[in-house]
Amino acid sequence: MADVVFWSLRQKFLDSDEDMPAQAKQVMYYSLAIGHHVGVIDCLNKEFSCPLDQYQQWVDLLAPGEARRKMQGLLTFGEIVIDSTHTNLLATALAPLRDDQVEPFAAWSANLIALLTEITHEPAIYLIVRRVL
């Protein structure tokens, strides 16, 4: 049975003795998030996981729109990246599920909203969500 795993990218190690300008760091972080590992070791932290079939049920609870489409991307592509450009969209869509749904959907929504809040405070954090067999 397949699962969906939410990882956060919070730490980066670069094989360099030089300080990196802020703009270059953002390029590096983005490259990590989309999977291009060129001279960089990333440290992914597993935040939470859920069964794939329940993930689909969770996503189906979201109102039609961009947030639902974003989360459905995992089902289409097997992986999605959630970054600072998605925080408001997803948090707004997930809030009603956190407040009004049964478990485990309420807890997953609360967990993801908490992670999105962390991203708003530190935009260099990314979430990588993957389907794993």
Protein backbone atom coordinates (compact mmCIF):
# COMPACT_ATOMS: atom_id res chain seq x y z
CA MET A 1 0.00 0.00 0.00
CA ALA A 2 1.27 3.47 -0.88
CA ASP A 3 1.70 6.32 1.58
CA VAL A 4 2.09 10.07 1.27
CA VAL A 5 4.99 11.57 3.21
CA PHE A 6 5.42 15.25 4.05
CA TRP A 7 9.07 16.27 4.48
CA SER A 8 10.41 19.69 5.35
CA LEU A 9 13.65 21.08 4.03
CA ARG A 10 15.06 23.17 6.87
CA GLN A 11 18.83 22.69 6.74
CA LYS A 12 21.26 22.89 3.89
CA PHE A 13 24.93 22.10 3.63
CA LEU A 14 26.92 23.51 0.77
CA ASP A 15 30.46 22.47 0.00
CA SER A 16 31.88 25.98 -0.02
CA ASP A 17 33.94 28.19 2.27
CA GLU A 18 32.44 31.37 0.83
CA ASP A 19 29.45 33.31 2.08
CA MET A 20 26.59 33.22 -0.37
CA PRO A 21 24.49 36.28 -1.28
CA ALA A 22 20.83 36.05 -0.22
CA GLN A 23 19.56 35.89 -3.82
CA ALA A 24 21.89 33.00 -4.62
CA LYS A 25 20.71 31.18 -1.49
CA GLN A 26 17.13 31.34 -2.71
CA VAL A 27 18.20 29.79 -6.02
CA MET A 28 19.99 27.04 -4.12
CA TYR A 29 16.96 26.38 -1.88
CA TYR A 30 14.67 26.23 -4.89
CA SER A 31 17.02 23.83 -6.63
CA LEU A 32 16.93 21.57 -3.59
CA ALA A 33 13.18 21.64 -3.49
CA ILE A 34 12.78 20.55 -7.10
CA GLY A 35 15.36 17.84 -6.78
CA HIS A 36 18.47 19.19 -8.47
CA HIS A 37 21.26 18.31 -6.06
CA VAL A 38 24.41 19.89 -7.43
CA GLY A 39 27.12 19.87 -4.78
CA VAL A 40 24.53 20.22 -2.04
CA ILE A 41 23.41 17.80 0.66
CA ASP A 42 19.91 18.47 1.88
CA CYS A 43 18.42 17.40 5.18
CA LEU A 44 14.80 16.40 4.88
CA ASN A 45 12.81 16.03 8.09
CA LYS A 46 9.79 13.75 7.99
CA GLU A 47 6.89 15.79 9.37
CA PHE A 48 3.99 13.36 8.95
CA SER A 49 2.58 10.72 6.65
CA CYS A 50 -0.77 9.26 5.70
CA PRO A 51 -2.12 6.42 3.57
CA LEU A 52 -2.55 7.40 -0.07
CA ASP A 53 -6.24 6.46 -0.14
CA GLN A 54 -6.97 8.68 2.87
CA TYR A 55 -4.90 11.49 1.31
CA GLN A 56 -7.28 11.35 -1.68
CA GLN A 57 -10.27 11.55 0.69
CA TRP A 58 -8.67 14.52 2.47
CA VAL A 59 -8.03 16.37 -0.78
CA ASP A 60 -11.60 15.67 -1.92
CA LEU A 61 -12.82 17.56 1.19
CA LEU A 62 -11.18 20.77 -0.06
CA ALA A 63 -13.39 23.21 -1.92
CA PRO A 64 -12.84 23.21 -5.69
CA GLY A 65 -10.14 25.68 -6.67
CA GLU A 66 -6.40 26.27 -6.73
CA ALA A 67 -5.64 24.75 -3.31
CA ARG A 68 -7.35 21.51 -4.24
CA ARG A 69 -5.59 21.48 -7.61
CA LYS A 70 -2.23 21.98 -5.87
CA MET A 71 -2.80 19.08 -3.49
CA GLN A 72 -4.12 16.86 -6.31
CA GLY A 73 -0.79 17.39 -8.08
CA LEU A 74 0.65 14.66 -5.86
CA LEU A 75 -1.82 12.18 -7.33
CA THR A 76 -0.87 13.22 -10.85
CA PHE A 77 2.88 13.64 -10.54
CA GLY A 78 3.79 11.64 -7.43
CA GLU A 79 5.38 14.68 -5.78
CA ILE A 80 4.60 18.29 -5.02
CA VAL A 81 6.59 21.13 -3.50
CA ILE A 82 4.93 23.57 -1.14
CA ASP A 83 6.77 26.84 -0.63
CA SER A 84 6.11 30.39 0.52
CA THR A 85 3.98 31.13 -2.55
CA HIS A 86 1.42 28.53 -1.42
CA THR A 87 1.06 29.32 2.29
CA ASN A 88 -1.96 31.63 2.24
CA LEU A 89 -3.79 29.65 -0.44
CA LEU A 90 -3.44 26.33 1.37
CA ALA A 91 -3.90 27.61 4.93
CA THR A 92 -7.15 29.35 3.95
CA ALA A 93 -8.46 26.20 2.26
CA LEU A 94 -7.40 23.89 5.10
CA ALA A 95 -8.76 25.98 8.00
CA PRO A 96 -12.37 24.75 7.64
CA LEU A 97 -11.12 21.14 7.59
CA ARG A 98 -9.08 21.73 10.73
CA ASP A 99 -12.10 23.19 12.49
CA ASP A 100 -14.97 21.04 11.20
CA GLN A 101 -13.74 17.65 10.02
CA VAL A 102 -13.39 14.29 11.73
CA GLU A 103 -10.04 12.67 12.45
CA PRO A 104 -7.59 12.12 10.93
CA PHE A 105 -8.43 14.94 8.49
CA ALA A 106 -8.70 17.64 11.16
CA ALA A 107 -5.30 16.71 12.63
CA TRP A 108 -3.61 16.54 9.22
CA SER A 109 -5.06 19.93 8.34
CA ALA A 110 -3.82 21.37 11.64
CA ASN A 111 -0.35 19.86 11.09
CA LEU A 112 -0.09 21.27 7.59
CA ILE A 113 -1.34 24.71 8.68
CA ALA A 114 1.33 24.75 11.42
CA LEU A 115 4.00 23.92 8.84
CA LEU A 116 2.67 26.62 6.51
CA THR A 117 2.88 29.09 9.38
CA GLU A 118 6.53 28.17 9.87
CA ILE A 119 7.14 28.85 6.17
CA THR A 120 5.60 32.32 6.48
CA HIS A 121 8.15 33.06 9.23
CA GLU A 122 11.07 31.49 7.32
CA PRO A 123 10.40 31.52 3.56
CA ALA A 124 13.47 29.39 2.84
CA ILE A 125 11.66 26.33 4.27
CA TYR A 126 10.04 24.07 1.70
CA LEU A 127 7.76 21.10 2.07
CA ILE A 128 8.25 18.18 -0.24
CA VAL A 129 5.31 15.82 -0.44
CA ARG A 130 5.90 12.46 -2.10
CA ARG A 131 3.99 9.30 -2.83
CA VAL A 132 6.04 6.35 -1.57
CA LEU A 133 5.36 2.68 -2.14
